Amino acid sequence: MSDSFITNTNFLPLINFKFGIKKLPTTSFFIQSVNIPGIKLGFAEVPTPFIKYPIPGDHAQFNDFTMTFRVDEDMKNYLEIYNWIVQLGFPDNFDQYKLIDGKSATTGEGKLSDGTLEVLNSAKTPKILVTIVDMFPRSLSDIVFDTRDTQNSYAEATAVFKLRKVQIKYL
């Protein structure tokens, strides 16, 4: 194959990104890592007298979106995700769910929220926009305090989100 079709030979730098989500305004500044969720396609097997052979299915499924962030000193960013999960799961009473039920996702007040990941090129210019559509948190990691820490490390947490779909477009 000829390489005459290659127009950009730069590799994708993994540190050049910005992520934002309306529902989590405090968290965005502290993000350490995110992923573009992978996608998989189901399949069916067609039986024959000799072998079964696969054919493409009709439903694409996206992997989870995972975000790791540094926890701020007031734990505001951690509590944004924590409270979102509590409101969705209403562990104490139904009024917790009423805080987000029926509210618009576009304002960042509803049950779901869209996230936007800007992938920057090697010149730190936005090149690709990844929209994570209708996401909601399904887990939030522990924060472990440890008096044996001699390096004065900072707390990090990881949140895992379910989502409806991923849209990727060039800017």
Protein backbone atom coordinates (compact mmCIF):
# COMPACT_ATOMS: atom_id res chain seq x y z
CA MET A 1 0.00 0.00 0.00
CA SER A 2 1.32 3.42 -0.90
CA ASP A 3 1.82 6.00 1.85
CA SER A 4 0.83 8.84 -0.50
CA PHE A 5 -2.56 9.03 1.28
CA ILE A 6 -0.99 9.86 4.65
CA THR A 7 -1.36 13.59 5.32
CA ASN A 8 -0.37 13.70 8.99
CA THR A 9 2.43 11.54 10.36
CA ASN A 10 2.24 12.92 13.92
CA PHE A 11 1.21 10.55 16.66
CA LEU A 12 -1.72 11.33 18.95
CA PRO A 13 -0.38 12.76 22.24
CA LEU A 14 -2.30 11.33 25.19
CA ILE A 15 -1.90 14.41 27.38
CA ASN A 16 -3.59 16.82 24.97
CA PHE A 17 -7.25 16.84 25.92
CA LYS A 18 -9.96 18.83 27.67
CA PHE A 19 -13.08 17.28 29.14
CA GLY A 20 -16.21 19.01 30.36
CA ILE A 21 -19.62 17.98 31.59
CA LYS A 22 -22.34 20.43 32.62
CA LYS A 23 -23.43 18.32 35.57
CA LEU A 24 -19.88 18.38 37.03
CA PRO A 25 -18.51 21.92 36.68
CA THR A 26 -16.04 21.61 39.58
CA THR A 27 -14.64 18.27 38.43
CA SER A 28 -13.50 19.28 34.94
CA PHE A 29 -10.46 21.29 36.10
CA PHE A 30 -9.04 18.37 38.11
CA ILE A 31 -9.31 15.58 35.52
CA GLN A 32 -6.22 13.41 35.18
CA SER A 33 -7.40 10.81 32.66
CA VAL A 34 -10.41 9.88 30.55
CA ASN A 35 -11.09 7.34 27.85
CA ILE A 36 -12.92 7.33 24.56
CA PRO A 37 -15.24 4.37 25.14
CA GLY A 38 -14.71 1.46 22.81
CA ILE A 39 -17.52 -0.02 20.76
CA LYS A 40 -18.45 -3.57 19.99
CA LEU A 41 -20.95 -5.19 17.69
CA GLY A 42 -22.90 -8.29 18.51
CA PHE A 43 -23.07 -11.13 16.04
CA ALA A 44 -25.09 -14.16 15.19
CA GLU A 45 -23.80 -17.56 14.14
CA VAL A 46 -25.17 -19.28 11.08
CA PRO A 47 -25.08 -23.05 11.46
CA THR A 48 -24.01 -25.25 8.58
CA PRO A 49 -23.38 -28.98 8.51
CA PHE A 50 -19.65 -28.26 8.96
CA ILE A 51 -19.06 -25.04 10.92
CA LYS A 52 -20.92 -22.09 12.36
CA TYR A 53 -19.90 -18.83 10.74
CA PRO A 54 -20.45 -15.38 12.22
CA ILE A 55 -22.49 -12.61 10.63
CA PRO A 56 -22.74 -9.00 11.91
CA GLY A 57 -25.42 -8.26 14.45
CA ASP A 58 -27.69 -5.26 14.61
CA HIS A 59 -26.81 -3.60 17.94
CA ALA A 60 -23.66 -1.67 18.71
CA GLN A 61 -22.73 -1.46 22.39
CA PHE A 62 -20.39 1.10 23.93
CA ASN A 63 -17.96 0.41 26.74
CA ASP A 64 -18.10 2.47 29.92
CA PHE A 65 -16.61 5.95 30.16
CA THR A 66 -14.01 6.20 32.93
CA MET A 67 -12.68 9.39 34.44
CA THR A 68 -9.92 9.78 37.03
CA PHE A 69 -9.57 13.11 38.80
CA ARG A 70 -7.69 14.73 41.65
CA VAL A 71 -9.97 15.47 44.56
CA ASP A 72 -9.99 19.12 45.60
CA GLU A 73 -9.36 20.06 49.23
CA ASP A 74 -13.05 20.80 49.87
CA MET A 75 -14.06 17.56 48.10
CA LYS A 76 -16.54 19.54 45.97
CA ASN A 77 -15.73 17.59 42.81
CA TYR A 78 -16.03 14.23 44.60
CA LEU A 79 -19.36 15.29 46.13
CA GLU A 80 -20.73 16.34 42.72
CA ILE A 81 -20.52 12.74 41.53
CA TYR A 82 -21.40 11.26 44.92
CA ASN A 83 -24.61 13.33 45.17
CA TRP A 84 -25.55 12.48 41.57
CA ILE A 85 -25.35 8.79 42.39
CA VAL A 86 -27.32 9.28 45.62
CA GLN A 87 -30.05 11.17 43.74
CA LEU A 88 -30.28 8.43 41.11
CA GLY A 89 -30.30 5.63 43.68
CA PHE A 90 -32.35 7.36 46.43
CA PRO A 91 -31.02 5.15 49.25
CA ASP A 92 -32.94 6.95 52.01
CA ASN A 93 -36.17 8.28 50.50
CA PHE A 94 -37.91 9.09 47.23
CA ASP A 95 -37.39 12.84 47.69
CA GLN A 96 -33.72 12.38 46.77
CA TYR A 97 -34.74 11.29 43.28
CA LYS A 98 -37.18 14.20 42.93
CA LEU A 99 -34.23 16.59 42.99
CA ILE A 100 -33.29 15.51 39.44
CA ASP A 101 -36.44 13.84 38.08
CA GLY A 102 -38.00 15.72 35.19
CA LYS A 103 -35.18 18.23 34.88
CA SER A 104 -33.45 18.88 31.58
CA ALA A 105 -30.22 17.09 30.74
CA THR A 106 -29.14 20.06 28.62
CA THR A 107 -28.92 22.31 31.70
CA GLY A 108 -26.93 19.75 33.66
CA GLU A 109 -29.67 19.34 36.26
CA GLY A 110 -31.32 16.13 35.08
CA LYS A 111 -30.63 12.42 35.53
CA LEU A 112 -28.37 12.28 32.48
CA SER A 113 -25.73 14.61 31.12
CA ASP A 114 -23.62 14.87 27.99
CA GLY A 115 -19.85 15.14 28.25
CA THR A 116 -17.51 16.64 25.68
CA LEU A 117 -13.94 15.59 25.14
CA GLU A 118 -11.78 17.84 22.98
CA VAL A 119 -8.79 16.00 21.60
CA LEU A 120 -5.99 18.43 20.86
CA ASN A 121 -3.36 17.91 18.18
CA SER A 122 0.40 18.25 18.71
CA ALA A 123 0.04 22.05 18.37
CA LYS A 124 -2.55 21.99 21.21
CA THR A 125 -5.35 22.98 18.84
CA PRO A 126 -8.75 21.24 19.18
CA LYS A 127 -8.89 18.68 16.38
CA ILE A 128 -11.55 16.12 17.35
CA LEU A 129 -14.71 16.50 19.40
CA VAL A 130 -16.01 13.42 21.20
CA THR A 131 -19.48 13.74 22.70
CA ILE A 132 -20.50 11.20 25.33
CA VAL A 133 -24.30 11.21 25.07
CA ASP A 134 -26.68 10.60 28.00
CA MET A 135 -24.15 9.53 30.58
CA PHE A 136 -24.75 8.79 34.24
CA PRO A 137 -22.38 7.58 36.98
CA ARG A 138 -22.53 3.96 38.01
CA SER A 139 -19.60 3.92 40.44
CA LEU A 140 -17.26 6.20 42.33
CA SER A 141 -14.07 4.88 43.87
CA ASP A 142 -12.97 5.06 47.49
CA ILE A 143 -10.73 7.75 48.87
CA VAL A 144 -8.14 6.23 51.16
CA PHE A 145 -6.46 8.38 53.80
CA ASP A 146 -3.14 7.02 55.04
CA THR A 147 -0.86 8.50 57.71
CA ARG A 148 2.03 6.40 56.36
CA ASP A 149 2.18 8.50 53.18
CA THR A 150 5.60 10.19 53.34
CA GLN A 151 5.42 11.75 49.86
CA ASN A 152 2.37 13.94 50.56
CA SER A 153 0.39 12.39 47.71
CA TYR A 154 -2.92 13.86 46.64
CA ALA A 155 -6.23 12.06 46.65
CA GLU A 156 -7.53 10.78 43.34
CA ALA A 157 -10.85 9.16 42.55
CA THR A 158 -12.24 7.29 39.58
CA ALA A 159 -15.80 7.51 38.34
CA VAL A 160 -17.30 5.05 35.87
CA PHE A 161 -20.24 6.09 33.69
CA LYS A 162 -22.77 4.28 31.55
CA LEU A 163 -23.79 6.03 28.35
CA ARG A 164 -26.12 5.80 25.39
CA LYS A 165 -23.71 6.56 22.56
CA VAL A 166 -20.47 8.23 21.50
CA GLN A 167 -20.26 10.74 18.66
CA ILE A 168 -16.86 11.56 17.15
CA LYS A 169 -16.31 14.37 14.65
CA TYR A 170 -13.44 16.41 13.24
CA LEU A 171 -13.39 20.10 14.06
